[in-house]
Every structure is written in C-alpha cells, then in structure tokens.
Amino acid sequence: MATIKIKQTKSRIGAPAVQKRTLDALGLRKMNKVVEHNDTPAIRGMVQKVKHLVTVID
C-alpha cells in the first residue's frame, strides 16, 4: 500500500480542541515533525481537517 508523509508546519496553539485531537491521532505533537501513514481515505480525511497546519510530502 502507498504511504504519505505528513509534516506539521504551523503551531497548534490557538487551534480548536478537535483539531488538536486530530493532530494527536496523526502522531504530530511538535512543529516540523514528520510522520508516515498508509494512504487511506481515513488518513486523507484527517489531513483535510487540519490542512492549514500540515503539509503532505509525497
């Protein structure tokens, strides 16, 4: 299965609690951290919810 890399590029300070929980679920807890996940619709949906805080690296 294909994978995607997700990098947190902006701070979670000031973000709503729902978005903070989404970042936690993705494994992003610090700025500039990169995590790798399988490219599934669920992961893509979570990335879409916090697209202003993260960058997808192909």
PDB file of N, CA and C in Angstrom:
ATOM      1  N   MET A   1       0.842  -1.179   0.000  1.00  0.00           N
ATOM      2  CA  MET A   1       0.000   0.000   0.000  1.00  0.00           C
ATOM      3  C   MET A   1       0.890   1.246   0.000  1.00  0.00           C
ATOM      4  N   ALA A   2       0.421   2.273  -0.673  1.00  0.00           N
ATOM      5  CA  ALA A   2       1.175   3.518  -0.751  1.00  0.00           C
ATOM      6  C   ALA A   2       1.167   4.228   0.602  1.00  0.00           C
ATOM      7  N   THR A   3       2.201   5.000   0.840  1.00  0.00           N
ATOM      8  CA  THR A   3       2.284   5.763   2.079  1.00  0.00           C
ATOM      9  C   THR A   3       2.410   7.245   1.764  1.00  0.00           C
ATOM     10  N   ILE A   4       2.043   8.065   2.734  1.00  0.00           N
ATOM     11  CA  ILE A   4       2.227   9.510   2.619  1.00  0.00           C
ATOM     12  C   ILE A   4       2.956   9.992   3.857  1.00  0.00           C
ATOM     13  N   LYS A   5       3.737  11.049   3.671  1.00  0.00           N
ATOM     14  CA  LYS A   5       4.430  11.680   4.785  1.00  0.00           C
ATOM     15  C   LYS A   5       3.722  12.991   5.079  1.00  0.00           C
ATOM     16  N   ILE A   6       3.499  13.239   6.361  1.00  0.00           N
ATOM     17  CA  ILE A   6       2.784  14.431   6.802  1.00  0.00           C
ATOM     18  C   ILE A   6       3.685  15.193   7.766  1.00  0.00           C
ATOM     19  N   LYS A   7       3.841  16.494   7.522  1.00  0.00           N
ATOM     20  CA  LYS A   7       4.702  17.332   8.353  1.00  0.00           C
ATOM     21  C   LYS A   7       3.872  18.456   8.957  1.00  0.00           C
ATOM     22  N   GLN A   8       4.005  18.665  10.264  1.00  0.00           N
ATOM     23  CA  GLN A   8       3.320  19.780  10.914  1.00  0.00           C
ATOM     24  C   GLN A   8       4.132  21.035  10.676  1.00  0.00           C
ATOM     25  N   THR A   9       3.537  22.021   9.999  1.00  0.00           N
ATOM     26  CA  THR A   9       4.267  23.233   9.629  1.00  0.00           C
ATOM     27  C   THR A   9       3.847  24.456  10.429  1.00  0.00           C
ATOM     28  N   LYS A  10       2.700  24.396  11.100  1.00  0.00           N
ATOM     29  CA  LYS A  10       2.255  25.527  11.906  1.00  0.00           C
ATOM     30  C   LYS A  10       1.909  25.056  13.307  1.00  0.00           C
ATOM     31  N   SER A  11       1.947  25.976  14.244  1.00  0.00           N
ATOM     32  CA  SER A  11       1.708  25.658  15.645  1.00  0.00           C
ATOM     33  C   SER A  11       0.250  25.313  15.911  1.00  0.00           C
ATOM     34  N   ARG A  12       0.052  24.430  16.873  1.00  0.00           N
ATOM     35  CA  ARG A  12      -1.296  24.043  17.280  1.00  0.00           C
ATOM     36  C   ARG A  12      -1.865  24.994  18.319  1.00  0.00           C
ATOM     37  N   ILE A  13      -1.067  25.947  18.794  1.00  0.00           N
ATOM     38  CA  ILE A  13      -1.544  26.912  19.786  1.00  0.00           C
ATOM     39  C   ILE A  13      -2.653  27.751  19.161  1.00  0.00           C
ATOM     40  N   GLY A  14      -3.761  27.835  19.847  1.00  0.00           N
ATOM     41  CA  GLY A  14      -4.890  28.609  19.354  1.00  0.00           C
ATOM     42  C   GLY A  14      -5.847  27.814  18.486  1.00  0.00           C
ATOM     43  N   ALA A  15      -5.496  26.581  18.155  1.00  0.00           N
ATOM     44  CA  ALA A  15      -6.380  25.742  17.347  1.00  0.00           C
ATOM     45  C   ALA A  15      -7.477  25.160  18.235  1.00  0.00           C
ATOM     46  N   PRO A  16      -8.644  24.898  17.659  1.00  0.00           N
ATOM     47  CA  PRO A  16      -9.719  24.269  18.447  1.00  0.00           C
ATOM     48  C   PRO A  16      -9.310  22.881  18.947  1.00  0.00           C
ATOM     49  N   ALA A  17      -9.956  22.441  19.998  1.00  0.00           N
ATOM     50  CA  ALA A  17      -9.627  21.155  20.614  1.00  0.00           C
ATOM     51  C   ALA A  17      -9.793  19.995  19.640  1.00  0.00           C
ATOM     52  N   VAL A  18     -10.770  20.066  18.756  1.00  0.00           N
ATOM     53  CA  VAL A  18     -10.989  18.998  17.778  1.00  0.00           C
ATOM     54  C   VAL A  18      -9.776  18.857  16.863  1.00  0.00           C
ATOM     55  N   GLN A  19      -9.213  19.973  16.440  1.00  0.00           N
ATOM     56  CA  GLN A  19      -8.042  19.932  15.562  1.00  0.00           C
ATOM     57  C   GLN A  19      -6.812  19.438  16.319  1.00  0.00           C
ATOM     58  N   LYS A  20      -6.695  19.790  17.583  1.00  0.00           N
ATOM     59  CA  LYS A  20      -5.572  19.300  18.387  1.00  0.00           C
ATOM     60  C   LYS A  20      -5.652  17.785  18.543  1.00  0.00           C
ATOM     61  N   ARG A  21      -6.856  17.260  18.748  1.00  0.00           N
ATOM     62  CA  ARG A  21      -7.023  15.809  18.851  1.00  0.00           C
ATOM     63  C   ARG A  21      -6.723  15.122  17.527  1.00  0.00           C
ATOM     64  N   THR A  22      -7.047  15.768  16.414  1.00  0.00           N
ATOM     65  CA  THR A  22      -6.737  15.201  15.103  1.00  0.00           C
ATOM     66  C   THR A  22      -5.224  15.134  14.906  1.00  0.00           C
ATOM     67  N   LEU A  23      -4.509  16.178  15.297  1.00  0.00           N
ATOM     68  CA  LEU A  23      -3.046  16.155  15.207  1.00  0.00           C
ATOM     69  C   LEU A  23      -2.474  15.045  16.079  1.00  0.00           C
ATOM     70  N   ASP A  24      -3.014  14.876  17.275  1.00  0.00           N
ATOM     71  CA  ASP A  24      -2.566  13.797  18.155  1.00  0.00           C
ATOM     72  C   ASP A  24      -2.803  12.436  17.513  1.00  0.00           C
ATOM     73  N   ALA A  25      -3.959  12.267  16.891  1.00  0.00           N
ATOM     74  CA  ALA A  25      -4.282  10.989  16.252  1.00  0.00           C
ATOM     75  C   ALA A  25      -3.338  10.695  15.083  1.00  0.00           C
ATOM     76  N   LEU A  26      -2.873  11.749  14.425  1.00  0.00           N
ATOM     77  CA  LEU A  26      -1.914  11.569  13.337  1.00  0.00           C
ATOM     78  C   LEU A  26      -0.495  11.336  13.854  1.00  0.00           C
ATOM     79  N   GLY A  27      -0.268  11.582  15.139  1.00  0.00           N
ATOM     80  CA  GLY A  27       1.056  11.395  15.714  1.00  0.00           C
ATOM     81  C   GLY A  27       1.920  12.638  15.653  1.00  0.00           C
ATOM     82  N   LEU A  28       1.290  13.781  15.418  1.00  0.00           N
ATOM     83  CA  LEU A  28       2.029  15.052  15.318  1.00  0.00           C
ATOM     84  C   LEU A  28       1.887  15.814  16.625  1.00  0.00           C
ATOM     85  N   ARG A  29       2.975  15.924  17.357  1.00  0.00           N
ATOM     86  CA  ARG A  29       2.937  16.612  18.635  1.00  0.00           C
ATOM     87  C   ARG A  29       3.870  17.818  18.694  1.00  0.00           C
ATOM     88  N   LYS A  30       4.786  17.937  17.754  1.00  0.00           N
ATOM     89  CA  LYS A  30       5.728  19.052  17.735  1.00  0.00           C
ATOM     90  C   LYS A  30       5.819  19.623  16.329  1.00  0.00           C
ATOM     91  N   MET A  31       6.255  20.867  16.259  1.00  0.00           N
ATOM     92  CA  MET A  31       6.473  21.517  14.976  1.00  0.00           C
ATOM     93  C   MET A  31       7.556  20.797  14.184  1.00  0.00           C
ATOM     94  N   ASN A  32       7.403  20.774  12.881  1.00  0.00           N
ATOM     95  CA  ASN A  32       8.365  20.209  11.929  1.00  0.00           C
ATOM     96  C   ASN A  32       8.567  18.701  12.071  1.00  0.00           C
ATOM     97  N   LYS A  33       7.715  18.031  12.830  1.00  0.00           N
ATOM     98  CA  LYS A  33       7.802  16.581  12.929  1.00  0.00           C
ATOM     99  C   LYS A  33       7.155  15.964  11.693  1.00  0.00           C
ATOM    100  N   VAL A  34       7.754  14.891  11.188  1.00  0.00           N
ATOM    101  CA  VAL A  34       7.235  14.198  10.011  1.00  0.00           C
ATOM    102  C   VAL A  34       6.835  12.789  10.421  1.00  0.00           C
ATOM    103  N   VAL A  35       5.628  12.385  10.052  1.00  0.00           N
ATOM    104  CA  VAL A  35       5.149  11.027  10.301  1.00  0.00           C
ATOM    105  C   VAL A  35       4.753  10.407   8.966  1.00  0.00           C
ATOM    106  N   GLU A  36       4.775   9.091   8.916  1.00  0.00           N
ATOM    107  CA  GLU A  36       4.423   8.376   7.702  1.00  0.00           C
ATOM    108  C   GLU A  36       3.233   7.462   7.999  1.00  0.00           C
ATOM    109  N   HIS A  37       2.213   7.538   7.163  1.00  0.00           N
ATOM    110  CA  HIS A  37       0.999   6.737   7.322  1.00  0.00           C
ATOM    111  C   HIS A  37       0.655   6.101   5.990  1.00  0.00           C
ATOM    112  N   ASN A  38      -0.127   5.014   6.052  1.00  0.00           N
ATOM    113  CA  ASN A  38      -0.677   4.446   4.826  1.00  0.00           C
ATOM    114  C   ASN A  38      -1.654   5.444   4.228  1.00  0.00           C
ATOM    115  N   ASP A  39      -1.705   5.486   2.916  1.00  0.00           N
ATOM    116  CA  ASP A  39      -2.564   6.436   2.215  1.00  0.00           C
ATOM    117  C   ASP A  39      -3.979   5.862   2.126  1.00  0.00           C
ATOM    118  N   THR A  40      -4.769   6.095   3.178  1.00  0.00           N
ATOM    119  CA  THR A  40      -6.138   5.605   3.224  1.00  0.00           C
ATOM    120  C   THR A  40      -7.098   6.792   3.249  1.00  0.00           C
ATOM    121  N   PRO A  41      -8.357   6.567   2.921  1.00  0.00           N
ATOM    122  CA  PRO A  41      -9.329   7.671   2.976  1.00  0.00           C
ATOM    123  C   PRO A  41      -9.462   8.271   4.376  1.00  0.00           C
ATOM    124  N   ALA A  42      -9.327   7.461   5.418  1.00  0.00           N
ATOM    125  CA  ALA A  42      -9.441   7.977   6.781  1.00  0.00           C
ATOM    126  C   ALA A  42      -8.308   8.960   7.090  1.00  0.00           C
ATOM    127  N   ILE A  43      -7.099   8.589   6.720  1.00  0.00           N
ATOM    128  CA  ILE A  43      -5.944   9.475   6.957  1.00  0.00           C
ATOM    129  C   ILE A  43      -6.079  10.735   6.114  1.00  0.00           C
ATOM    130  N   ARG A  44      -6.498  10.589   4.857  1.00  0.00           N
ATOM    131  CA  ARG A  44      -6.689  11.763   3.988  1.00  0.00           C
ATOM    132  C   ARG A  44      -7.739  12.710   4.573  1.00  0.00           C
ATOM    133  N   GLY A  45      -8.784  12.161   5.167  1.00  0.00           N
ATOM    134  CA  GLY A  45      -9.817  12.989   5.789  1.00  0.00           C
ATOM    135  C   GLY A  45      -9.287  13.742   6.993  1.00  0.00           C
ATOM    136  N   MET A  46      -8.440  13.085   7.785  1.00  0.00           N
ATOM    137  CA  MET A  46      -7.851  13.751   8.951  1.00  0.00           C
ATOM    138  C   MET A  46      -6.915  14.868   8.504  1.00  0.00           C
ATOM    139  N   VAL A  47      -6.162  14.625   7.448  1.00  0.00           N
ATOM    140  CA  VAL A  47      -5.264  15.658   6.919  1.00  0.00           C
ATOM    141  C   VAL A  47      -6.088  16.835   6.401  1.00  0.00           C
ATOM    142  N   GLN A  48      -7.210  16.559   5.772  1.00  0.00           N
ATOM    143  CA  GLN A  48      -8.070  17.620   5.247  1.00  0.00           C
ATOM    144  C   GLN A  48      -8.594  18.513   6.367  1.00  0.00           C
ATOM    145  N   LYS A  49      -8.871  17.945   7.547  1.00  0.00           N
ATOM    146  CA  LYS A  49      -9.380  18.720   8.679  1.00  0.00           C
ATOM    147  C   LYS A  49      -8.350  19.711   9.230  1.00  0.00           C
ATOM    148  N   VAL A  50      -7.061  19.379   9.082  1.00  0.00           N
ATOM    149  CA  VAL A  50      -6.005  20.251   9.627  1.00  0.00           C
ATOM    150  C   VAL A  50      -5.049  20.700   8.521  1.00  0.00           C
ATOM    151  N   LYS A  51      -5.583  20.862   7.304  1.00  0.00           N
ATOM    152  CA  LYS A  51      -4.735  21.182   6.154  1.00  0.00           C
ATOM    153  C   LYS A  51      -4.006  22.514   6.300  1.00  0.00           C
ATOM    154  N   HIS A  52      -4.505  23.415   7.138  1.00  0.00           N
ATOM    155  CA  HIS A  52      -3.851  24.705   7.345  1.00  0.00           C
ATOM    156  C   HIS A  52      -2.675  24.591   8.332  1.00  0.00           C
ATOM    157  N   LEU A  53      -2.539  23.441   9.002  1.00  0.00           N
ATOM    158  CA  LEU A  53      -1.464  23.243   9.973  1.00  0.00           C
ATOM    159  C   LEU A  53      -0.395  22.267   9.485  1.00  0.00           C
ATOM    160  N   VAL A  54      -0.681  21.514   8.436  1.00  0.00           N
ATOM    161  CA  VAL A  54       0.230  20.469   7.989  1.00  0.00           C
ATOM    162  C   VAL A  54       0.542  20.601   6.502  1.00  0.00           C
ATOM    163  N   THR A  55       1.587  19.886   6.081  1.00  0.00           N
ATOM    164  CA  THR A  55       1.953  19.776   4.682  1.00  0.00           C
ATOM    165  C   THR A  55       2.127  18.308   4.364  1.00  0.00           C
ATOM    166  N   VAL A  56       1.618  17.881   3.209  1.00  0.00           N
ATOM    167  CA  VAL A  56       1.773  16.497   2.775  1.00  0.00           C
ATOM    168  C   VAL A  56       2.975  16.426   1.851  1.00  0.00           C
ATOM    169  N   ILE A  57       3.915  15.544   2.205  1.00  0.00           N
ATOM    170  CA  ILE A  57       5.130  15.332   1.413  1.00  0.00           C
ATOM    171  C   ILE A  57       4.932  14.030   0.645  1.00  0.00           C
ATOM    172  N   ASP A  58       4.986  14.083  -0.664  1.00  0.00           N
ATOM    173  CA  ASP A  58       4.754  12.881  -1.459  1.00  0.00           C
ATOM    174  C   ASP A  58       5.954  11.993  -1.553  1.00  0.00           C
TER     175      ASP A  58
END
